């Protein structure tokens, strides 16, 4: 089966210019990836460049630390939607998870979902900082919201997705879909994530995955 529609073709480095974004967009068009995932600054431009294609525009909110206020995340989401974003990948407040404040997490996710106005929302929990018990609780919490996906990682932490964490999130997420992001560098990596329950892959290695090569990036 073709894997292209599993892939959010990603460029989130802070040094990116339109040169890198144009390459990302051109590759996404060529391989018909599910989306391009890029910084909010480029959403409007990407939407214009992708008009008439089957590639969606995905952007990030509260990225990469998740420590913004709820009000800030809401504004970011509203602005992204206004500029043409089809999908929102938000980072939760990781400190509030560590403090056991899951009511806060439910509130911030719900507020971002509301601000997204029907656009698909993926919730990044940054698994590398969480214990198994915290991953279970936060997956259950997101499962009780109207978010669409639980996502493993930003790619900016010390570790990306693992098959075990994907399976845990899928098991406890009350039917939410799971996005595995970070560290998917080979077709074998991708197959393991899918077998564990992932239905979306966030990676900068999309072209190499499509051509049977080994990636080296996010």
N, C-alpha and C. Protein backbone atom coordinates (compact mmCIF):
# COMPACT_ATOMS: atom_id res chain seq x y z
N UNK A 1 0.84 -1.20 0.00
CA UNK A 1 0.00 0.00 0.00
C UNK A 1 0.87 1.25 0.00
N UNK A 2 0.36 2.32 -0.61
CA UNK A 2 1.10 3.57 -0.62
C UNK A 2 1.02 4.24 0.76
N UNK A 3 2.14 4.77 1.18
CA UNK A 3 2.19 5.37 2.52
C UNK A 3 2.06 6.88 2.49
N UNK A 4 1.94 7.46 1.29
CA UNK A 4 2.02 8.93 1.20
C UNK A 4 0.95 9.64 2.01
N UNK A 5 -0.26 9.07 2.09
CA UNK A 5 -1.33 9.75 2.80
C UNK A 5 -1.28 9.55 4.32
N UNK A 6 -0.26 8.86 4.79
CA UNK A 6 0.00 8.79 6.22
C UNK A 6 0.90 9.94 6.68
N UNK A 7 1.56 10.59 5.74
CA UNK A 7 2.69 11.46 6.08
C UNK A 7 2.32 12.95 6.13
N UNK A 8 2.63 13.57 7.27
CA UNK A 8 2.65 15.03 7.39
C UNK A 8 4.10 15.44 7.10
N UNK A 9 4.33 15.96 5.91
CA UNK A 9 5.68 16.31 5.46
C UNK A 9 6.11 17.58 6.19
N UNK A 10 7.16 17.49 6.99
CA UNK A 10 7.38 18.47 8.06
C UNK A 10 8.68 19.26 7.91
N UNK A 11 8.56 20.56 8.10
CA UNK A 11 9.73 21.42 8.29
C UNK A 11 9.40 22.44 9.36
N UNK A 12 10.03 22.28 10.53
CA UNK A 12 9.74 23.15 11.67
C UNK A 12 11.00 23.80 12.26
N UNK A 13 12.11 23.70 11.55
CA UNK A 13 13.34 24.32 12.05
C UNK A 13 13.19 25.83 12.10
N UNK A 14 13.78 26.47 13.11
CA UNK A 14 13.65 27.93 13.23
C UNK A 14 14.39 28.71 12.16
N UNK A 15 15.31 28.06 11.44
CA UNK A 15 16.12 28.76 10.44
C UNK A 15 15.50 28.71 9.05
N UNK A 16 14.32 28.14 8.92
CA UNK A 16 13.72 27.96 7.61
C UNK A 16 13.36 29.27 6.92
N UNK A 17 13.58 29.32 5.61
CA UNK A 17 13.19 30.44 4.76
C UNK A 17 12.23 29.91 3.70
N UNK A 18 11.79 30.78 2.81
CA UNK A 18 10.91 30.32 1.74
C UNK A 18 11.60 29.30 0.82
N UNK A 19 12.89 29.31 0.81
CA UNK A 19 13.62 28.32 0.01
C UNK A 19 13.30 26.91 0.50
N UNK A 20 13.41 26.71 1.81
CA UNK A 20 13.10 25.40 2.38
C UNK A 20 11.61 25.08 2.29
N UNK A 21 10.77 26.08 2.48
CA UNK A 21 9.32 25.86 2.43
C UNK A 21 8.89 25.54 1.01
N UNK A 22 9.46 26.20 0.01
CA UNK A 22 9.14 25.89 -1.38
C UNK A 22 9.52 24.44 -1.71
N UNK A 23 10.66 24.00 -1.20
CA UNK A 23 11.07 22.61 -1.43
C UNK A 23 10.09 21.65 -0.77
N UNK A 24 9.69 21.97 0.46
CA UNK A 24 8.73 21.14 1.19
C UNK A 24 7.42 21.04 0.40
N UNK A 25 6.94 22.17 -0.08
CA UNK A 25 5.67 22.21 -0.82
C UNK A 25 5.79 21.44 -2.13
N UNK A 26 6.88 21.64 -2.85
CA UNK A 26 7.07 20.94 -4.12
C UNK A 26 7.11 19.42 -3.91
N UNK A 27 7.81 19.00 -2.87
CA UNK A 27 7.88 17.56 -2.58
C UNK A 27 6.51 17.01 -2.19
N UNK A 28 5.77 17.78 -1.40
CA UNK A 28 4.44 17.34 -0.97
C UNK A 28 3.51 17.19 -2.16
N UNK A 29 3.59 18.12 -3.11
CA UNK A 29 2.79 18.02 -4.32
C UNK A 29 3.19 16.80 -5.15
N UNK A 30 4.48 16.59 -5.28
CA UNK A 30 4.97 15.48 -6.11
C UNK A 30 4.53 14.13 -5.56
N UNK A 31 4.62 13.98 -4.25
CA UNK A 31 4.32 12.68 -3.63
C UNK A 31 2.91 12.61 -3.04
N UNK A 32 2.16 13.70 -3.16
CA UNK A 32 0.78 13.74 -2.66
C UNK A 32 0.69 13.35 -1.18
N UNK A 33 1.57 13.96 -0.39
CA UNK A 33 1.52 13.73 1.04
C UNK A 33 0.21 14.27 1.62
N UNK A 34 -0.13 13.78 2.81
CA UNK A 34 -1.37 14.23 3.44
C UNK A 34 -1.34 15.73 3.71
N UNK A 35 -0.21 16.20 4.24
CA UNK A 35 -0.10 17.64 4.54
C UNK A 35 1.35 18.07 4.53
N UNK A 36 1.53 19.39 4.53
CA UNK A 36 2.81 19.97 4.95
C UNK A 36 2.58 20.50 6.36
N UNK A 37 3.54 20.27 7.23
CA UNK A 37 3.47 20.78 8.60
C UNK A 37 4.60 21.78 8.78
N UNK A 38 4.21 23.03 9.03
CA UNK A 38 5.21 24.10 9.07
C UNK A 38 4.83 25.16 10.11
N UNK A 39 5.76 26.08 10.33
CA UNK A 39 5.56 27.11 11.33
C UNK A 39 4.42 28.06 10.92
N UNK A 40 3.73 28.68 11.89
CA UNK A 40 2.60 29.56 11.58
C UNK A 40 2.94 30.68 10.60
N UNK A 41 4.16 31.15 10.65
CA UNK A 41 4.60 32.24 9.77
C UNK A 41 4.36 31.92 8.30
N UNK A 42 4.40 30.63 7.93
CA UNK A 42 4.32 30.24 6.53
C UNK A 42 2.95 29.70 6.12
N UNK A 43 1.99 29.73 7.02
CA UNK A 43 0.69 29.11 6.71
C UNK A 43 0.02 29.78 5.51
N UNK A 44 -0.09 31.07 5.53
CA UNK A 44 -0.79 31.78 4.45
C UNK A 44 -0.10 31.53 3.11
N UNK A 45 1.22 31.60 3.11
CA UNK A 45 1.98 31.36 1.88
C UNK A 45 1.77 29.94 1.37
N UNK A 46 1.86 28.97 2.29
CA UNK A 46 1.69 27.57 1.89
C UNK A 46 0.30 27.32 1.33
N UNK A 47 -0.70 27.92 1.95
CA UNK A 47 -2.08 27.74 1.47
C UNK A 47 -2.22 28.25 0.04
N UNK A 48 -1.61 29.38 -0.23
CA UNK A 48 -1.66 29.94 -1.59
C UNK A 48 -0.95 29.02 -2.58
N UNK A 49 0.20 28.51 -2.19
CA UNK A 49 0.99 27.68 -3.10
C UNK A 49 0.35 26.31 -3.33
N UNK A 50 -0.46 25.86 -2.39
CA UNK A 50 -1.06 24.53 -2.49
C UNK A 50 -2.48 24.56 -3.04
N UNK A 51 -2.96 25.74 -3.42
CA UNK A 51 -4.30 25.84 -4.00
C UNK A 51 -4.42 24.92 -5.21
N UNK A 52 -5.48 24.12 -5.23
CA UNK A 52 -5.70 23.20 -6.33
C UNK A 52 -5.04 21.84 -6.17
N UNK A 53 -4.25 21.67 -5.10
CA UNK A 53 -3.62 20.37 -4.83
C UNK A 53 -4.43 19.61 -3.80
N UNK A 54 -4.02 18.37 -3.55
CA UNK A 54 -4.70 17.56 -2.52
C UNK A 54 -3.94 17.56 -1.21
N UNK A 55 -2.98 18.48 -1.05
CA UNK A 55 -2.14 18.55 0.14
C UNK A 55 -2.71 19.58 1.12
N UNK A 56 -2.90 19.17 2.37
CA UNK A 56 -3.42 20.06 3.40
C UNK A 56 -2.30 20.88 4.04
N UNK A 57 -2.68 21.95 4.74
CA UNK A 57 -1.73 22.78 5.48
C UNK A 57 -1.93 22.54 6.97
N UNK A 58 -0.89 22.07 7.61
CA UNK A 58 -0.89 21.83 9.05
C UNK A 58 0.11 22.79 9.70
N UNK A 59 -0.26 23.33 10.87
CA UNK A 59 0.67 24.18 11.59
C UNK A 59 0.63 23.87 13.07
N UNK A 60 1.52 24.53 13.82
CA UNK A 60 1.71 24.22 15.23
C UNK A 60 1.26 25.37 16.11
N UNK A 61 0.83 25.03 17.32
CA UNK A 61 0.35 25.99 18.32
C UNK A 61 0.99 25.67 19.66
N UNK A 62 1.45 26.70 20.36
CA UNK A 62 2.13 26.48 21.64
C UNK A 62 3.43 25.73 21.46
N UNK A 63 4.06 25.93 20.34
CA UNK A 63 5.20 25.10 19.92
C UNK A 63 6.52 25.80 20.18
N UNK A 64 7.55 25.06 20.64
CA UNK A 64 7.56 23.63 20.96
C UNK A 64 7.40 23.29 22.45
N UNK A 65 7.35 24.28 23.33
CA UNK A 65 7.39 23.99 24.77
C UNK A 65 6.04 23.75 25.40
N UNK A 66 4.98 24.29 24.83
CA UNK A 66 3.64 24.10 25.38
C UNK A 66 3.31 24.97 26.57
N UNK A 67 4.20 25.89 26.92
CA UNK A 67 4.04 26.66 28.16
C UNK A 67 3.30 27.98 27.97
N UNK A 68 2.79 28.25 26.79
CA UNK A 68 1.99 29.45 26.56
C UNK A 68 0.70 29.38 27.37
N UNK A 69 0.09 30.52 27.62
CA UNK A 69 -1.21 30.53 28.28
C UNK A 69 -2.27 29.97 27.33
N UNK A 70 -3.39 29.57 27.90
CA UNK A 70 -4.50 29.09 27.08
C UNK A 70 -4.95 30.18 26.12
N UNK A 71 -5.02 31.41 26.61
CA UNK A 71 -5.46 32.52 25.77
C UNK A 71 -4.53 32.71 24.56
N UNK A 72 -3.24 32.54 24.78
CA UNK A 72 -2.28 32.66 23.68
C UNK A 72 -2.48 31.54 22.67
N UNK A 73 -2.68 30.33 23.15
CA UNK A 73 -2.91 29.21 22.23
C UNK A 73 -4.19 29.39 21.43
N UNK A 74 -5.20 29.93 22.07
CA UNK A 74 -6.46 30.21 21.36
C UNK A 74 -6.22 31.24 20.26
N UNK A 75 -5.50 32.31 20.57
CA UNK A 75 -5.21 33.33 19.56
C UNK A 75 -4.41 32.73 18.41
N UNK A 76 -3.40 31.96 18.73
CA UNK A 76 -2.60 31.31 17.68
C UNK A 76 -3.47 30.46 16.76
N UNK A 77 -4.39 29.74 17.37
CA UNK A 77 -5.26 28.86 16.60
C UNK A 77 -6.18 29.66 15.69
N UNK A 78 -6.80 30.69 16.24
CA UNK A 78 -7.67 31.55 15.44
C UNK A 78 -6.91 32.17 14.27
N UNK A 79 -5.70 32.62 14.54
CA UNK A 79 -4.88 33.25 13.51
C UNK A 79 -4.50 32.24 12.43
N UNK A 80 -4.15 31.02 12.85
CA UNK A 80 -3.77 29.97 11.89
C UNK A 80 -4.93 29.61 10.99
N UNK A 81 -6.11 29.48 11.57
CA UNK A 81 -7.30 29.15 10.77
C UNK A 81 -7.61 30.29 9.80
N UNK A 82 -7.52 31.52 10.28
CA UNK A 82 -7.75 32.68 9.42
C UNK A 82 -6.80 32.68 8.23
N UNK A 83 -5.56 32.24 8.45
CA UNK A 83 -4.55 32.25 7.40
C UNK A 83 -4.63 31.02 6.48
N UNK A 84 -5.51 30.08 6.81
CA UNK A 84 -5.74 28.97 5.90
C UNK A 84 -5.34 27.60 6.40
N UNK A 85 -4.98 27.46 7.67
CA UNK A 85 -4.59 26.15 8.18
C UNK A 85 -5.77 25.18 8.15
N UNK A 86 -5.49 23.96 7.72
CA UNK A 86 -6.49 22.88 7.72
C UNK A 86 -6.40 22.04 8.98
N UNK A 87 -5.22 21.99 9.58
CA UNK A 87 -4.99 21.16 10.76
C UNK A 87 -4.11 21.90 11.75
N UNK A 88 -4.36 21.66 13.04
CA UNK A 88 -3.64 22.31 14.13
C UNK A 88 -2.97 21.23 14.99
N UNK A 89 -1.67 21.33 15.16
CA UNK A 89 -0.94 20.46 16.08
C UNK A 89 -0.54 21.29 17.30
N UNK A 90 -1.25 21.12 18.41
CA UNK A 90 -0.99 21.93 19.61
C UNK A 90 -0.16 21.14 20.62
N UNK A 91 0.68 21.87 21.36
CA UNK A 91 1.46 21.27 22.45
C UNK A 91 0.76 21.57 23.77
N UNK A 92 0.51 20.54 24.56
CA UNK A 92 -0.10 20.75 25.87
C UNK A 92 0.91 21.36 26.84
N UNK A 93 0.40 21.85 27.96
CA UNK A 93 1.25 22.36 29.03
C UNK A 93 1.83 21.18 29.81
N UNK A 94 3.06 20.84 29.50
CA UNK A 94 3.68 19.64 30.06
C UNK A 94 3.86 19.76 31.57
N UNK A 95 4.16 20.96 32.04
CA UNK A 95 4.31 21.16 33.48
C UNK A 95 3.04 20.85 34.24
N UNK A 96 1.88 21.18 33.65
CA UNK A 96 0.62 20.88 34.31
C UNK A 96 0.34 19.38 34.34
N UNK A 97 0.81 18.66 33.33
CA UNK A 97 0.72 17.20 33.38
C UNK A 97 1.58 16.66 34.52
N UNK A 98 2.82 17.16 34.61
CA UNK A 98 3.72 16.69 35.67
C UNK A 98 3.16 17.01 37.06
N UNK A 99 2.37 18.09 37.14
CA UNK A 99 1.77 18.47 38.42
C UNK A 99 0.47 17.72 38.70
N UNK A 100 0.03 16.92 37.72
CA UNK A 100 -1.19 16.16 37.90
C UNK A 100 -2.47 16.96 37.68
N UNK A 101 -2.33 18.11 37.03
CA UNK A 101 -3.49 18.99 36.83
C UNK A 101 -4.15 18.68 35.48
N UNK A 102 -4.86 17.58 35.41
CA UNK A 102 -5.45 17.15 34.15
C UNK A 102 -6.71 17.93 33.79
N UNK A 103 -7.33 18.58 34.76
CA UNK A 103 -8.44 19.47 34.44
C UNK A 103 -7.96 20.63 33.57
N UNK A 104 -6.77 21.13 33.86
CA UNK A 104 -6.19 22.20 33.06
C UNK A 104 -5.97 21.73 31.63
N UNK A 105 -5.43 20.53 31.48
CA UNK A 105 -5.16 19.99 30.15
C UNK A 105 -6.46 19.85 29.36
N UNK A 106 -7.49 19.34 30.02
CA UNK A 106 -8.78 19.19 29.33
C UNK A 106 -9.31 20.54 28.89
N UNK A 107 -9.14 21.55 29.74
CA UNK A 107 -9.63 22.89 29.41
C UNK A 107 -8.87 23.47 28.23
N UNK A 108 -7.54 23.38 28.25
CA UNK A 108 -6.79 24.02 27.16
C UNK A 108 -7.02 23.31 25.83
N UNK A 109 -7.12 22.00 25.86
CA UNK A 109 -7.40 21.28 24.62
C UNK A 109 -8.79 21.66 24.10
N UNK A 110 -9.76 21.70 24.98
CA UNK A 110 -11.12 22.04 24.58
C UNK A 110 -11.21 23.45 24.01
N UNK A 111 -10.46 24.38 24.59
CA UNK A 111 -10.47 25.76 24.10
C UNK A 111 -9.82 25.87 22.71
N UNK A 112 -8.75 25.13 22.50
CA UNK A 112 -8.11 25.14 21.18
C UNK A 112 -9.02 24.48 20.15
N UNK A 113 -9.65 23.39 20.51
CA UNK A 113 -10.60 22.73 19.59
C UNK A 113 -11.71 23.70 19.20
N UNK A 114 -12.22 24.43 20.17
CA UNK A 114 -13.28 25.40 19.89
C UNK A 114 -12.76 26.48 18.92
N UNK A 115 -11.56 26.96 19.18
CA UNK A 115 -10.98 28.01 18.33
C UNK A 115 -10.68 27.50 16.92
N UNK A 116 -10.47 26.20 16.78
CA UNK A 116 -10.14 25.62 15.48
C UNK A 116 -11.34 25.56 14.54
N UNK A 117 -12.54 25.76 15.07
CA UNK A 117 -13.74 25.92 14.25
C UNK A 117 -13.95 24.75 13.28
N UNK A 118 -13.77 23.55 13.80
CA UNK A 118 -14.01 22.38 12.98
C UNK A 118 -12.80 21.84 12.26
N UNK A 119 -11.70 22.57 12.29
CA UNK A 119 -10.46 22.05 11.70
C UNK A 119 -9.91 20.94 12.59
N UNK A 120 -9.22 20.01 11.99
CA UNK A 120 -8.70 18.86 12.72
C UNK A 120 -7.62 19.29 13.71
N UNK A 121 -7.69 18.77 14.94
CA UNK A 121 -6.74 19.13 16.00
C UNK A 121 -6.00 17.89 16.49
N UNK A 122 -4.67 17.99 16.50
CA UNK A 122 -3.82 16.94 17.05
C UNK A 122 -3.15 17.50 18.30
N UNK A 123 -3.09 16.71 19.36
CA UNK A 123 -2.60 17.18 20.65
C UNK A 123 -1.27 16.50 20.97
N UNK A 124 -0.22 17.30 21.03
CA UNK A 124 1.14 16.79 21.28
C UNK A 124 1.37 16.69 22.78
N UNK A 125 1.71 15.48 23.24
CA UNK A 125 1.90 15.29 24.68
C UNK A 125 3.38 15.21 25.08
N UNK A 126 4.29 15.19 24.12
CA UNK A 126 5.74 15.12 24.35
C UNK A 126 6.09 13.97 25.30
N UNK A 127 5.95 12.77 24.78
CA UNK A 127 6.09 11.55 25.57
C UNK A 127 7.44 11.40 26.27
N UNK A 128 8.49 12.01 25.71
CA UNK A 128 9.82 11.82 26.28
C UNK A 128 9.93 12.37 27.70
N UNK A 129 9.02 13.27 28.08
CA UNK A 129 9.06 13.86 29.42
C UNK A 129 8.09 13.20 30.40
N UNK A 130 7.33 12.21 29.94
CA UNK A 130 6.26 11.66 30.76
C UNK A 130 6.53 10.23 31.20
N UNK A 131 6.04 9.90 32.37
CA UNK A 131 6.06 8.50 32.81
C UNK A 131 4.93 7.75 32.11
N UNK A 132 4.94 6.44 32.21
CA UNK A 132 3.87 5.65 31.61
C UNK A 132 2.52 6.02 32.21
N UNK A 133 2.49 6.21 33.53
CA UNK A 133 1.23 6.57 34.20
C UNK A 133 0.73 7.93 33.71
N UNK A 134 1.65 8.87 33.51
CA UNK A 134 1.25 10.20 33.01
C UNK A 134 0.74 10.12 31.57
N UNK A 135 1.39 9.28 30.75
CA UNK A 135 0.92 9.10 29.38
C UNK A 135 -0.49 8.52 29.35
N UNK A 136 -0.75 7.58 30.23
CA UNK A 136 -2.08 6.98 30.30
C UNK A 136 -3.11 8.03 30.70
N UNK A 137 -2.81 8.78 31.76
CA UNK A 137 -3.76 9.79 32.25
C UNK A 137 -4.02 10.89 31.22
N UNK A 138 -2.97 11.35 30.56
CA UNK A 138 -3.16 12.42 29.60
C UNK A 138 -3.88 11.92 28.34
N UNK A 139 -3.63 10.67 27.97
CA UNK A 139 -4.36 10.09 26.83
C UNK A 139 -5.84 9.96 27.17
N UNK A 140 -6.14 9.54 28.38
CA UNK A 140 -7.53 9.46 28.83
C UNK A 140 -8.19 10.84 28.83
N UNK A 141 -7.42 11.84 29.27
CA UNK A 141 -7.93 13.21 29.33
C UNK A 141 -8.26 13.74 27.94
N UNK A 142 -7.34 13.55 27.01
CA UNK A 142 -7.58 14.00 25.63
C UNK A 142 -8.72 13.20 25.01
N UNK A 143 -8.81 11.93 25.39
CA UNK A 143 -9.91 11.09 24.91
C UNK A 143 -11.27 11.61 25.28
N UNK A 144 -11.32 12.40 26.34
CA UNK A 144 -12.60 12.97 26.80
C UNK A 144 -12.89 14.34 26.18
N UNK A 145 -12.05 14.78 25.25
CA UNK A 145 -12.27 16.04 24.54
C UNK A 145 -12.70 15.76 23.11
N UNK A 146 -12.90 16.83 22.34
CA UNK A 146 -13.28 16.68 20.94
C UNK A 146 -12.09 16.81 19.99
N UNK A 147 -10.87 16.71 20.53
CA UNK A 147 -9.69 16.66 19.67
C UNK A 147 -9.74 15.40 18.82
N UNK A 148 -9.01 15.41 17.71
CA UNK A 148 -9.05 14.29 16.78
C UNK A 148 -7.92 13.29 16.98
N UNK A 149 -6.74 13.78 17.31
CA UNK A 149 -5.55 12.94 17.42
C UNK A 149 -4.82 13.22 18.73
N UNK A 150 -4.11 12.20 19.20
CA UNK A 150 -3.05 12.38 20.20
C UNK A 150 -1.73 12.18 19.46
N UNK A 151 -0.79 13.06 19.68
CA UNK A 151 0.48 13.02 18.96
C UNK A 151 1.63 12.86 19.95
N UNK A 152 2.62 12.08 19.57
CA UNK A 152 3.69 11.73 20.50
C UNK A 152 4.61 12.89 20.87
N UNK A 153 5.07 13.64 19.87
CA UNK A 153 6.27 14.45 20.09
C UNK A 153 6.31 15.70 19.22
N UNK A 154 7.13 16.66 19.65
CA UNK A 154 7.40 17.84 18.85
C UNK A 154 8.57 17.62 17.89
N UNK A 155 9.45 16.72 18.24
CA UNK A 155 10.70 16.57 17.51
C UNK A 155 11.81 17.43 18.09
N UNK A 156 11.47 18.26 19.08
CA UNK A 156 12.46 19.13 19.71
C UNK A 156 12.88 18.61 21.09
N UNK A 157 12.27 17.53 21.55
CA UNK A 157 12.65 16.91 22.81
C UNK A 157 13.78 15.92 22.60
N UNK A 158 14.25 15.28 23.67
CA UNK A 158 15.37 14.35 23.56
C UNK A 158 15.02 13.02 22.89
N UNK A 159 13.73 12.74 22.70
CA UNK A 159 13.33 11.48 22.06
C UNK A 159 12.03 11.68 21.32
N UNK A 160 11.88 10.99 20.19
CA UNK A 160 10.66 11.07 19.41
C UNK A 160 9.73 9.91 19.72
N UNK A 161 9.01 9.47 18.70
CA UNK A 161 8.00 8.42 18.88
C UNK A 161 8.64 7.06 19.09
N UNK A 162 7.97 6.23 19.88
CA UNK A 162 8.30 4.81 19.97
C UNK A 162 7.02 4.02 19.75
N UNK A 163 7.17 2.82 19.23
CA UNK A 163 6.00 1.98 18.97
C UNK A 163 5.25 1.68 20.27
N UNK A 164 5.98 1.49 21.36
CA UNK A 164 5.35 1.17 22.64
C UNK A 164 4.48 2.34 23.11
N UNK A 165 4.98 3.57 22.96
CA UNK A 165 4.19 4.72 23.39
C UNK A 165 2.97 4.93 22.49
N UNK A 166 3.14 4.69 21.21
CA UNK A 166 1.99 4.79 20.30
C UNK A 166 0.90 3.81 20.72
N UNK A 167 1.29 2.59 21.01
CA UNK A 167 0.32 1.57 21.43
C UNK A 167 -0.38 1.96 22.73
N UNK A 168 0.38 2.54 23.66
CA UNK A 168 -0.18 2.97 24.94
C UNK A 168 -1.21 4.08 24.74
N UNK A 169 -0.86 5.04 23.92
CA UNK A 169 -1.75 6.16 23.64
C UNK A 169 -3.02 5.69 22.94
N UNK A 170 -2.84 4.78 21.99
CA UNK A 170 -3.99 4.23 21.27
C UNK A 170 -4.93 3.48 22.21
N UNK A 171 -4.35 2.73 23.12
CA UNK A 171 -5.14 1.92 24.05
C UNK A 171 -5.97 2.77 25.00
N UNK A 172 -5.42 3.90 25.42
CA UNK A 172 -6.06 4.70 26.47
C UNK A 172 -6.69 6.00 25.95
N UNK A 173 -6.71 6.20 24.65
CA UNK A 173 -7.18 7.46 24.09
C UNK A 173 -8.64 7.49 23.68
N UNK A 174 -9.41 6.52 24.12
CA UNK A 174 -10.86 6.50 23.86
C UNK A 174 -11.20 6.66 22.38
N UNK A 175 -10.45 5.98 21.55
CA UNK A 175 -10.75 5.99 20.12
C UNK A 175 -10.09 7.09 19.32
N UNK A 176 -9.35 7.98 19.98
CA UNK A 176 -8.65 9.03 19.22
C UNK A 176 -7.59 8.38 18.33
N UNK A 177 -7.36 9.00 17.19
CA UNK A 177 -6.27 8.55 16.33
C UNK A 177 -4.94 9.00 16.92
N UNK A 178 -3.86 8.37 16.48
CA UNK A 178 -2.54 8.66 17.02
C UNK A 178 -1.59 9.05 15.90
N UNK A 179 -0.85 10.14 16.13
CA UNK A 179 0.20 10.57 15.21
C UNK A 179 1.55 10.30 15.86
N UNK A 180 2.39 9.56 15.16
CA UNK A 180 3.75 9.28 15.61
C UNK A 180 4.68 10.28 14.93
N UNK A 181 5.43 11.03 15.72
CA UNK A 181 6.28 12.07 15.16
C UNK A 181 7.66 12.02 15.79
N UNK A 182 8.67 12.14 14.95
CA UNK A 182 10.05 12.15 15.43
C UNK A 182 10.67 10.77 15.43
N UNK A 183 11.77 10.63 14.71
CA UNK A 183 12.52 9.38 14.73
C UNK A 183 12.09 8.33 13.72
N UNK A 184 11.12 8.66 12.86
CA UNK A 184 10.69 7.71 11.83
C UNK A 184 11.58 7.93 10.61
N UNK A 185 12.58 7.08 10.47
CA UNK A 185 13.62 7.29 9.45
C UNK A 185 13.66 6.21 8.38
N UNK A 186 13.00 5.09 8.62
CA UNK A 186 12.98 4.00 7.65
C UNK A 186 11.56 3.49 7.47
N UNK A 187 11.37 2.72 6.39
CA UNK A 187 10.05 2.12 6.18
C UNK A 187 9.72 1.16 7.32
N UNK A 188 10.74 0.50 7.85
CA UNK A 188 10.51 -0.40 8.98
C UNK A 188 10.00 0.38 10.19
N UNK A 189 10.60 1.55 10.46
CA UNK A 189 10.11 2.40 11.55
C UNK A 189 8.65 2.74 11.35
N UNK A 190 8.33 3.16 10.13
CA UNK A 190 6.95 3.55 9.83
C UNK A 190 5.99 2.38 10.02
N UNK A 191 6.38 1.22 9.50
CA UNK A 191 5.52 0.04 9.61
C UNK A 191 5.27 -0.32 11.08
N UNK A 192 6.28 -0.16 11.92
CA UNK A 192 6.13 -0.46 13.34
C UNK A 192 5.14 0.51 13.99
N UNK A 193 5.21 1.78 13.63
CA UNK A 193 4.28 2.77 14.18
C UNK A 193 2.85 2.46 13.75
N UNK A 194 2.67 2.12 12.50
CA UNK A 194 1.34 1.80 11.99
C UNK A 194 0.80 0.54 12.66
N UNK A 195 1.65 -0.46 12.81
CA UNK A 195 1.23 -1.69 13.46
C UNK A 195 0.83 -1.45 14.92
N UNK A 196 1.41 -0.42 15.54
CA UNK A 196 1.10 -0.09 16.94
C UNK A 196 -0.12 0.81 17.07
N UNK A 197 -0.65 1.30 15.94
CA UNK A 197 -1.88 2.07 15.99
C UNK A 197 -1.83 3.46 15.40
N UNK A 198 -0.67 3.89 14.89
CA UNK A 198 -0.57 5.23 14.31
C UNK A 198 -1.27 5.29 12.96
N UNK A 199 -2.00 6.37 12.74
CA UNK A 199 -2.63 6.60 11.44
C UNK A 199 -2.09 7.86 10.76
N UNK A 200 -1.13 8.49 11.38
CA UNK A 200 -0.45 9.63 10.78
C UNK A 200 1.00 9.61 11.26
N UNK A 201 1.91 10.00 10.37
CA UNK A 201 3.34 10.03 10.66
C UNK A 201 3.85 11.44 10.41
N UNK A 202 4.44 12.06 11.42
CA UNK A 202 5.06 13.36 11.26
C UNK A 202 6.56 13.19 11.05
N UNK A 203 7.06 13.64 9.90
CA UNK A 203 8.47 13.40 9.60
C UNK A 203 8.98 14.36 8.53
N UNK A 204 10.26 14.65 8.60
CA UNK A 204 10.93 15.39 7.53
C UNK A 204 11.56 14.44 6.53
N UNK A 205 11.38 13.14 6.76
CA UNK A 205 11.99 12.12 5.91
C UNK A 205 11.03 11.53 4.89
N UNK A 206 9.95 12.27 4.59
CA UNK A 206 8.91 11.73 3.73
C UNK A 206 9.41 11.23 2.39
N UNK A 207 10.24 12.02 1.72
CA UNK A 207 10.72 11.62 0.40
C UNK A 207 11.56 10.36 0.48
N UNK A 208 12.41 10.29 1.49
CA UNK A 208 13.26 9.10 1.63
C UNK A 208 12.43 7.87 1.99
N UNK A 209 11.39 8.06 2.78
CA UNK A 209 10.51 6.93 3.07
C UNK A 209 9.80 6.44 1.82
N UNK A 210 9.45 7.34 0.94
CA UNK A 210 8.78 6.97 -0.31
C UNK A 210 9.71 6.31 -1.29
N UNK A 211 11.01 6.60 -1.19
CA UNK A 211 11.97 6.08 -2.17
C UNK A 211 12.86 4.97 -1.60
N UNK A 212 12.51 4.50 -0.40
CA UNK A 212 13.22 3.35 0.16
C UNK A 212 14.58 3.66 0.75
N UNK A 213 14.83 4.93 1.05
CA UNK A 213 16.10 5.32 1.64
C UNK A 213 15.96 5.50 3.16
N UNK A 214 17.10 5.68 3.83
CA UNK A 214 17.10 5.93 5.27
C UNK A 214 17.25 7.42 5.52
N UNK A 215 16.30 7.98 6.28
CA UNK A 215 16.35 9.39 6.59
C UNK A 215 17.27 9.69 7.75
N UNK A 216 17.56 10.97 7.94
CA UNK A 216 18.45 11.38 9.04
C UNK A 216 17.86 12.50 9.88
N UNK A 217 16.73 13.05 9.44
CA UNK A 217 16.17 14.19 10.14
C UNK A 217 15.07 13.80 11.11
N UNK A 218 14.24 14.79 11.43
CA UNK A 218 13.12 14.66 12.38
C UNK A 218 12.19 13.53 11.98
